[in-house]
Amino acid sequence: MLGFALLGLVLAQSAFANGAESAYQKALKEFSGKRDFSKIEKWLIQAASEEHRKAQSALAFYYTYRSSNEKKALSYHYKAADNECMESSYWLAHRALQNNQPSEFYRRFKQGLTRATSCYEVHSHAFPVSIVSKMHRMVEEMYGVIDKAAQEPNPRDQFLLGVIYFQGYKAQGIPDFKTGVLWLEKAAQQNHVLAQFTLASVYTTDITGTENRALARHWIKEAYQRRNHDSLTEEEKQKIIKLYQCIHSKTEC
């Protein structure tokens, strides 16, 4: 009952939303009501066509698990992932892992882990627990791949494992900053640029209880010297430059 009450509150607020959000909310309402999937699909397609990322992700999983339309599912998973939906990023990563496409696996896994946010809202209304559980198992399988590779050692996997600990995925949502820092340091010492940048970010704050401006300056200097590495996106390069300028200006970052 509480879930429906909260959904009602969201629907009331949607009167002020744009066309995409309005269509998305109509789909949500249908999910919690009669569940006429022809109407749900219609509203989600309308919202997704206007770049509504939650609608794109909902359609992706709808076509994956309900209508089994692989072509449409893949199309919407790509759109949702590139719109920074975590679930679609991980789904594409797992697909790449199964198809033995390591570059695509790491690209999508990193996208889901470091940049994307959850688009899970619709799925909780649309899909049974068995499908949600399947997604969890897929993610756990990928964590296992990263964990195993990080032991070799591989700086790329060590960086990802560090972020996994930071975000609490190893302890049911409870961040383990101490272990996360250890893995980031292993990667940073092997010149992994994003690990160096992340450590610099960590040491400018007190989230780990170890704020250390000297270490922050050290690691951002290392990252800044490698900021033009081919593996970095333009956005990542700009973040490195911005943090470097901030730390060296001795202001609060």
Protein backbone atom coordinates (compact mmCIF):
# COMPACT_ATOMS: atom_id res chain seq x y z
CA MET A 1 0.00 0.00 0.00
CA LEU A 2 2.84 2.35 0.84
CA GLY A 3 4.34 1.75 -2.61
CA PHE A 4 1.09 2.72 -4.31
CA ALA A 5 0.79 5.81 -2.08
CA LEU A 6 4.28 6.93 -3.06
CA LEU A 7 3.52 6.22 -6.72
CA GLY A 8 0.38 8.36 -6.39
CA LEU A 9 2.49 11.22 -5.05
CA VAL A 10 4.87 10.92 -8.01
CA LEU A 11 1.97 10.91 -10.44
CA ALA A 12 0.50 14.06 -8.84
CA GLN A 13 3.82 15.86 -9.26
CA SER A 14 4.02 14.85 -12.94
CA ALA A 15 1.43 17.52 -13.84
CA PHE A 16 4.35 19.93 -13.97
CA ALA A 17 6.58 17.62 -16.00
CA ASN A 18 7.41 17.75 -19.68
CA GLY A 19 5.83 15.52 -22.33
CA ALA A 20 8.33 12.70 -21.91
CA GLU A 21 7.92 12.59 -18.16
CA SER A 22 4.15 12.75 -18.49
CA ALA A 23 4.12 9.76 -20.85
CA TYR A 24 6.48 7.89 -18.53
CA GLN A 25 4.19 8.51 -15.57
CA LYS A 26 1.21 7.22 -17.55
CA ALA A 27 3.15 4.00 -18.14
CA LEU A 28 3.89 3.77 -14.42
CA LYS A 29 0.23 4.22 -13.63
CA GLU A 30 -0.71 1.43 -16.01
CA PHE A 31 1.94 -0.84 -14.45
CA SER A 32 0.30 -0.48 -11.04
CA GLY A 33 -3.22 -0.76 -12.44
CA LYS A 34 -4.70 -2.93 -15.18
CA ARG A 35 -1.31 -3.67 -16.77
CA ASP A 36 -2.44 -3.25 -20.36
CA PHE A 37 0.97 -3.80 -21.95
CA SER A 38 -0.08 -2.36 -25.30
CA LYS A 39 -0.72 0.95 -23.50
CA ILE A 40 2.43 0.63 -21.41
CA GLU A 41 4.53 0.05 -24.52
CA LYS A 42 2.89 3.01 -26.26
CA TRP A 43 3.63 5.44 -23.41
CA LEU A 44 7.18 4.18 -22.91
CA ILE A 45 7.99 4.48 -26.61
CA GLN A 46 6.71 8.05 -26.59
CA ALA A 47 8.86 8.95 -23.56
CA ALA A 48 11.91 7.06 -24.87
CA SER A 49 11.73 8.89 -28.20
CA GLU A 50 12.32 12.10 -26.23
CA GLU A 51 15.44 10.67 -24.56
CA HIS A 52 13.76 9.73 -21.28
CA ARG A 53 16.39 7.33 -19.95
CA LYS A 54 14.17 5.44 -17.51
CA ALA A 55 11.68 4.79 -20.29
CA GLN A 56 14.50 3.58 -22.54
CA SER A 57 15.72 1.19 -19.86
CA ALA A 58 12.19 -0.04 -19.10
CA LEU A 59 11.61 -0.79 -22.79
CA ALA A 60 14.95 -2.57 -23.01
CA PHE A 61 14.00 -4.97 -20.23
CA TYR A 62 10.42 -5.25 -21.46
CA TYR A 63 11.66 -6.47 -24.85
CA THR A 64 14.32 -8.64 -23.20
CA TYR A 65 12.13 -10.55 -20.78
CA ARG A 66 8.48 -10.07 -21.75
CA SER A 67 8.27 -9.98 -25.53
CA SER A 68 11.65 -11.57 -26.34
CA ASN A 69 12.39 -9.12 -29.14
CA GLU A 70 16.18 -9.25 -29.18
CA LYS A 71 16.67 -6.56 -31.83
CA LYS A 72 14.49 -4.00 -30.04
CA ALA A 73 15.89 -4.98 -26.64
CA LEU A 74 19.48 -4.42 -27.77
CA SER A 75 18.61 -1.10 -29.40
CA TYR A 76 17.04 0.26 -26.21
CA HIS A 77 19.77 -1.17 -23.98
CA TYR A 78 22.33 0.80 -26.02
CA LYS A 79 20.26 3.97 -25.77
CA ALA A 80 19.69 3.58 -22.03
CA ALA A 81 23.33 2.72 -21.29
CA ASP A 82 24.59 5.70 -23.29
CA ASN A 83 22.08 7.75 -21.30
CA GLU A 84 23.85 6.47 -18.15
CA CYS A 85 21.36 3.87 -16.94
CA MET A 86 23.24 1.44 -14.72
CA GLU A 87 21.07 -1.64 -15.33
CA SER A 88 21.43 -1.48 -19.12
CA SER A 89 25.17 -0.82 -18.84
CA TYR A 90 25.57 -3.96 -16.74
CA TRP A 91 23.28 -5.98 -19.03
CA LEU A 92 25.43 -5.04 -22.03
CA ALA A 93 28.59 -5.81 -20.05
CA HIS A 94 27.31 -9.28 -19.20
CA ARG A 95 26.32 -9.87 -22.82
CA ALA A 96 29.85 -8.92 -23.91
CA LEU A 97 31.32 -11.25 -21.27
CA GLN A 98 29.26 -14.15 -22.63
CA ASN A 99 30.26 -13.31 -26.20
CA ASN A 100 33.98 -13.15 -25.30
CA GLN A 101 34.29 -9.42 -26.06
CA PRO A 102 36.65 -8.23 -23.28
CA SER A 103 37.04 -4.64 -24.47
CA GLU A 104 33.28 -4.11 -24.64
CA PHE A 105 32.83 -5.90 -21.30
CA TYR A 106 35.23 -3.59 -19.50
CA ARG A 107 33.88 -0.50 -21.21
CA ARG A 108 30.28 -1.22 -20.25
CA PHE A 109 31.15 -2.50 -16.77
CA LYS A 110 33.16 0.65 -16.05
CA GLN A 111 30.29 2.74 -17.44
CA GLY A 112 27.82 1.08 -15.09
CA LEU A 113 30.12 1.24 -12.09
CA THR A 114 31.55 4.74 -12.31
CA ARG A 115 29.19 6.92 -14.35
CA ALA A 116 25.71 5.47 -14.49
CA THR A 117 22.84 5.75 -12.02
CA SER A 118 19.96 3.39 -11.40
CA CYS A 119 16.89 3.45 -13.66
CA TYR A 120 15.25 0.70 -11.63
CA GLU A 121 11.96 2.46 -10.80
CA VAL A 122 9.84 1.00 -13.57
CA HIS A 123 11.33 -2.47 -13.28
CA SER A 124 10.10 -2.90 -9.70
CA HIS A 125 6.54 -2.55 -11.00
CA ALA A 126 7.00 -4.35 -14.30
CA PHE A 127 8.97 -7.51 -13.62
CA PRO A 128 8.73 -10.42 -11.19
CA VAL A 129 11.28 -11.13 -8.48
CA SER A 130 12.81 -13.92 -10.58
CA ILE A 131 14.00 -11.43 -13.21
CA VAL A 132 15.35 -9.01 -10.61
CA SER A 133 17.22 -11.93 -9.01
CA LYS A 134 18.64 -12.87 -12.40
CA MET A 135 20.04 -9.36 -12.79
CA HIS A 136 21.66 -9.59 -9.36
CA ARG A 137 23.27 -12.92 -10.30
CA MET A 138 24.60 -11.42 -13.53
CA VAL A 139 26.22 -8.55 -11.63
CA GLU A 140 27.69 -10.90 -9.01
CA GLU A 141 29.19 -13.00 -11.80
CA MET A 142 30.88 -9.92 -13.26
CA TYR A 143 32.20 -8.87 -9.85
CA GLY A 144 33.75 -12.32 -9.59
CA VAL A 145 35.52 -11.87 -12.93
CA ILE A 146 36.93 -8.51 -11.81
CA ASP A 147 37.96 -9.86 -8.40
CA LYS A 148 39.83 -12.80 -9.92
CA ALA A 149 41.63 -10.69 -12.53
CA ALA A 150 42.66 -8.11 -9.90
CA GLN A 151 44.74 -10.74 -8.10
CA GLU A 152 47.06 -11.27 -11.10
CA PRO A 153 47.67 -8.21 -10.80
CA ASN A 154 45.95 -6.15 -13.46
CA PRO A 155 45.69 -2.39 -12.77
CA ARG A 156 42.46 -2.04 -14.75
CA ASP A 157 40.74 -4.68 -12.62
CA GLN A 158 42.34 -3.40 -9.42
CA PHE A 159 40.88 0.04 -10.11
CA LEU A 160 37.41 -1.40 -10.74
CA LEU A 161 37.64 -3.58 -7.62
CA GLY A 162 38.61 -0.52 -5.58
CA VAL A 163 35.51 1.30 -6.82
CA ILE A 164 33.38 -1.77 -6.05
CA TYR A 165 34.56 -1.65 -2.43
CA PHE A 166 34.00 2.10 -2.27
CA GLN A 167 30.42 1.73 -3.42
CA GLY A 168 29.67 -1.07 -0.97
CA TYR A 169 28.93 -3.80 -3.48
CA LYS A 170 31.11 -6.23 -1.53
CA ALA A 171 29.20 -5.77 1.73
CA GLN A 172 25.52 -5.36 0.87
CA GLY A 173 25.71 -1.64 0.31
CA ILE A 174 28.16 -0.78 3.11
CA PRO A 175 31.23 1.04 1.71
CA ASP A 176 34.64 -0.36 2.65
CA PHE A 177 36.85 2.68 2.10
CA LYS A 178 39.98 1.16 3.65
CA THR A 179 40.01 -1.86 1.33
CA GLY A 180 38.96 0.32 -1.60
CA VAL A 181 41.95 2.60 -1.08
CA LEU A 182 44.31 -0.40 -0.94
CA TRP A 183 43.14 -1.62 -4.35
CA LEU A 184 43.21 1.87 -5.84
CA GLU A 185 46.78 2.31 -4.62
CA LYS A 186 47.81 -0.98 -6.25
CA ALA A 187 46.40 0.27 -9.57
CA ALA A 188 47.75 3.81 -9.15
CA GLN A 189 51.27 2.52 -8.51
CA GLN A 190 51.06 0.83 -11.92
CA ASN A 191 50.17 4.19 -13.52
CA HIS A 192 46.44 3.65 -13.87
CA VAL A 193 45.31 7.23 -14.48
CA LEU A 194 41.76 6.98 -13.15
CA ALA A 195 43.00 5.23 -10.01
CA GLN A 196 45.44 8.10 -9.47
CA PHE A 197 42.69 10.65 -10.02
CA THR A 198 40.29 8.80 -7.71
CA LEU A 199 42.91 8.61 -4.94
CA ALA A 200 43.55 12.34 -5.29
CA SER A 201 39.80 12.94 -4.94
CA VAL A 202 39.64 10.69 -1.89
CA TYR A 203 42.57 12.38 -0.15
CA THR A 204 41.01 15.82 -0.56
CA THR A 205 38.09 14.73 1.63
CA ASP A 206 37.67 13.05 4.99
CA ILE A 207 35.35 10.26 3.82
CA THR A 208 37.97 7.66 4.71
CA GLY A 209 39.17 9.47 7.82
CA THR A 210 42.52 9.97 6.12
CA GLU A 211 42.41 13.39 4.48
CA ASN A 212 45.92 14.01 3.23
CA ARG A 213 46.64 17.02 1.01
CA ALA A 214 50.21 15.87 0.35
CA LEU A 215 49.04 12.55 -1.06
CA ALA A 216 46.27 14.34 -2.95
CA ARG A 217 48.86 16.60 -4.62
CA HIS A 218 51.09 13.61 -5.38
CA TRP A 219 48.41 11.53 -7.07
CA ILE A 220 46.78 14.36 -9.00
CA LYS A 221 50.21 15.35 -10.31
CA GLU A 222 50.71 11.78 -11.54
CA ALA A 223 47.24 11.74 -13.16
CA TYR A 224 47.72 15.20 -14.68
CA GLN A 225 50.94 14.10 -16.37
CA ARG A 226 49.02 11.23 -18.02
CA ARG A 227 45.79 13.14 -18.71
CA ASN A 228 46.07 12.65 -22.48
CA HIS A 229 46.10 8.86 -22.24
CA ASP A 230 44.08 7.24 -25.04
CA SER A 231 41.93 5.30 -22.56
CA LEU A 232 40.42 8.48 -21.09
CA THR A 233 37.26 10.18 -22.29
CA GLU A 234 37.23 13.92 -22.79
CA GLU A 235 35.04 14.25 -19.71
CA GLU A 236 37.57 12.32 -17.60
CA LYS A 237 40.41 14.48 -18.89
CA GLN A 238 38.55 17.64 -17.91
CA LYS A 239 37.86 16.27 -14.42
CA ILE A 240 41.57 15.61 -13.94
CA ILE A 241 42.49 19.12 -15.06
CA LYS A 242 39.84 20.68 -12.81
CA LEU A 243 40.97 18.75 -9.72
CA TYR A 244 44.63 19.50 -10.45
CA GLN A 245 43.88 23.23 -10.61
CA CYS A 246 41.75 23.04 -7.47
CA ILE A 247 44.33 21.16 -5.36
CA HIS A 248 47.21 23.40 -6.44
CA SER A 249 45.21 26.54 -5.75
CA LYS A 250 44.99 25.39 -2.10
CA THR A 251 41.24 25.96 -2.02
CA GLU A 252 38.56 23.58 -0.79
CA CYS A 253 37.71 21.13 -3.59
